[in-house]
Amino acid sequence: MHLNEISSAPFRGPVRGEGIGLESIWHCVGKAMGWRDIDVHKKKSGEPFLVLHGGAEALAKERAMKSAWISLSHTEHHAVAMVVIEA
């Protein structure tokens, strides 16, 4: 099963896609994870990836989540993220 969540929002000032990515995964799992239990990191290539720990990691195991992918993009005023979770 794949769950997709797209989150897009206008912002004033500089924007980073990581915050929108956190919101996207939060919506994917029904807002049951804490913000501080999800991190967005980047590989040397710039590709983002998710790191779950604490309550988020426990919830992922409980819900049999196998994999999660994240895609981020942003400009000075807008950010968009898509999270796909495989369970």
C-alpha atoms as a PDB file:
ATOM      1  CA  MET A   1       0.000   0.000   0.000  1.00  0.00           C
ATOM      2  CA  HIS A   2       1.318   3.445  -0.905  1.00  0.00           C
ATOM      3  CA  LEU A   3       0.210   6.648   0.772  1.00  0.00           C
ATOM      4  CA  ASN A   4       0.963   9.952  -0.922  1.00  0.00           C
ATOM      5  CA  GLU A   5       0.851  13.339   0.698  1.00  0.00           C
ATOM      6  CA  ILE A   6       1.544  16.577  -1.085  1.00  0.00           C
ATOM      7  CA  SER A   7       1.910  19.728   0.938  1.00  0.00           C
ATOM      8  CA  SER A   8       2.461  23.146  -0.594  1.00  0.00           C
ATOM      9  CA  ALA A   9       2.277  26.530   1.049  1.00  0.00           C
ATOM     10  CA  PRO A  10       3.290  30.117   0.232  1.00  0.00           C
ATOM     11  CA  PHE A  11       5.793  31.746   2.592  1.00  0.00           C
ATOM     12  CA  ARG A  12       7.374  35.148   3.093  1.00  0.00           C
ATOM     13  CA  GLY A  13      11.151  35.159   3.196  1.00  0.00           C
ATOM     14  CA  PRO A  14      13.579  32.281   2.673  1.00  0.00           C
ATOM     15  CA  VAL A  15      12.048  28.819   2.818  1.00  0.00           C
ATOM     16  CA  ARG A  16      13.528  25.375   3.326  1.00  0.00           C
ATOM     17  CA  GLY A  17      11.744  22.313   2.023  1.00  0.00           C
ATOM     18  CA  GLU A  18      12.623  20.201   5.078  1.00  0.00           C
ATOM     19  CA  GLY A  19       9.883  21.756   7.206  1.00  0.00           C
ATOM     20  CA  ILE A  20       7.284  21.053   4.543  1.00  0.00           C
ATOM     21  CA  GLY A  21       8.649  17.498   4.309  1.00  0.00           C
ATOM     22  CA  LEU A  22       8.054  16.993   8.023  1.00  0.00           C
ATOM     23  CA  GLU A  23       4.499  18.230   7.623  1.00  0.00           C
ATOM     24  CA  SER A  24       3.946  15.851   4.693  1.00  0.00           C
ATOM     25  CA  ILE A  25       4.986  12.724   6.584  1.00  0.00           C
ATOM     26  CA  TRP A  26       3.003  13.922   9.592  1.00  0.00           C
ATOM     27  CA  HIS A  27      -0.133  14.010   7.417  1.00  0.00           C
ATOM     28  CA  CYS A  28       0.673  10.619   5.848  1.00  0.00           C
ATOM     29  CA  VAL A  29       0.537   8.849   9.187  1.00  0.00           C
ATOM     30  CA  GLY A  30      -2.479  10.616  10.609  1.00  0.00           C
ATOM     31  CA  LYS A  31      -0.552  13.138  12.729  1.00  0.00           C
ATOM     32  CA  ALA A  32       0.372  10.387  15.183  1.00  0.00           C
ATOM     33  CA  MET A  33       4.135  11.130  15.173  1.00  0.00           C
ATOM     34  CA  GLY A  34       5.903  13.854  17.085  1.00  0.00           C
ATOM     35  CA  TRP A  35       7.740  16.547  15.107  1.00  0.00           C
ATOM     36  CA  ARG A  36      10.971  15.877  16.970  1.00  0.00           C
ATOM     37  CA  ASP A  37      10.902  12.170  16.083  1.00  0.00           C
ATOM     38  CA  ILE A  38      11.308  12.830  12.333  1.00  0.00           C
ATOM     39  CA  ASP A  39      14.431  14.208  10.655  1.00  0.00           C
ATOM     40  CA  VAL A  40      15.107  15.046   7.020  1.00  0.00           C
ATOM     41  CA  HIS A  41      18.748  14.509   6.020  1.00  0.00           C
ATOM     42  CA  LYS A  42      20.556  14.808   2.702  1.00  0.00           C
ATOM     43  CA  LYS A  43      22.980  12.454   1.016  1.00  0.00           C
ATOM     44  CA  LYS A  44      26.171  13.895  -0.529  1.00  0.00           C
ATOM     45  CA  SER A  45      24.277  13.936  -3.831  1.00  0.00           C
ATOM     46  CA  GLY A  46      21.665  16.242  -2.281  1.00  0.00           C
ATOM     47  CA  GLU A  47      18.949  13.563  -2.258  1.00  0.00           C
ATOM     48  CA  PRO A  48      16.793  13.916   0.862  1.00  0.00           C
ATOM     49  CA  PHE A  49      15.927  10.968   3.078  1.00  0.00           C
ATOM     50  CA  LEU A  50      13.915  10.452   6.251  1.00  0.00           C
ATOM     51  CA  VAL A  51      15.224   9.319   9.624  1.00  0.00           C
ATOM     52  CA  LEU A  52      12.628   8.193  12.169  1.00  0.00           C
ATOM     53  CA  HIS A  53      13.433   7.708  15.831  1.00  0.00           C
ATOM     54  CA  GLY A  54      11.623   7.554  19.162  1.00  0.00           C
ATOM     55  CA  GLY A  55       7.853   7.509  18.840  1.00  0.00           C
ATOM     56  CA  ALA A  56       7.974   7.842  15.043  1.00  0.00           C
ATOM     57  CA  GLU A  57      10.156   4.746  14.719  1.00  0.00           C
ATOM     58  CA  ALA A  58       7.867   2.791  17.074  1.00  0.00           C
ATOM     59  CA  LEU A  59       4.776   3.860  15.113  1.00  0.00           C
ATOM     60  CA  ALA A  60       6.419   2.899  11.810  1.00  0.00           C
ATOM     61  CA  LYS A  61       7.119  -0.594  13.162  1.00  0.00           C
ATOM     62  CA  GLU A  62       3.599  -0.880  14.600  1.00  0.00           C
ATOM     63  CA  ARG A  63       2.084   0.050  11.227  1.00  0.00           C
ATOM     64  CA  ALA A  64       4.492  -2.234   9.319  1.00  0.00           C
ATOM     65  CA  MET A  65       5.989   0.606   7.275  1.00  0.00           C
ATOM     66  CA  LYS A  66       8.673  -0.864   5.031  1.00  0.00           C
ATOM     67  CA  SER A  67      10.054   2.212   3.300  1.00  0.00           C
ATOM     68  CA  ALA A  68       9.522   5.940   3.034  1.00  0.00           C
ATOM     69  CA  TRP A  69      10.684   8.273   0.283  1.00  0.00           C
ATOM     70  CA  ILE A  70      10.653  12.060   0.268  1.00  0.00           C
ATOM     71  CA  SER A  71      11.007  14.591  -2.522  1.00  0.00           C
ATOM     72  CA  LEU A  72      11.541  18.284  -1.757  1.00  0.00           C
ATOM     73  CA  SER A  73      11.630  21.442  -3.813  1.00  0.00           C
ATOM     74  CA  HIS A  74      11.576  25.098  -2.840  1.00  0.00           C
ATOM     75  CA  THR A  75      12.059  28.620  -4.103  1.00  0.00           C
ATOM     76  CA  GLU A  76      12.449  31.804  -2.136  1.00  0.00           C
ATOM     77  CA  HIS A  77       8.712  31.982  -1.498  1.00  0.00           C
ATOM     78  CA  HIS A  78       7.264  28.466  -1.891  1.00  0.00           C
ATOM     79  CA  ALA A  79       8.068  24.920  -0.839  1.00  0.00           C
ATOM     80  CA  VAL A  80       6.590  21.576  -1.857  1.00  0.00           C
ATOM     81  CA  ALA A  81       7.206  18.070  -0.560  1.00  0.00           C
ATOM     82  CA  MET A  82       5.922  14.634  -1.437  1.00  0.00           C
ATOM     83  CA  VAL A  83       6.251  11.641   0.858  1.00  0.00           C
ATOM     84  CA  VAL A  84       5.517   8.073  -0.252  1.00  0.00           C
ATOM     85  CA  ILE A  85       5.249   5.393   2.429  1.00  0.00           C
ATOM     86  CA  GLU A  86       5.242   1.684   1.578  1.00  0.00           C
ATOM     87  CA  ALA A  87       3.617  -0.636   4.087  1.00  0.00           C
END
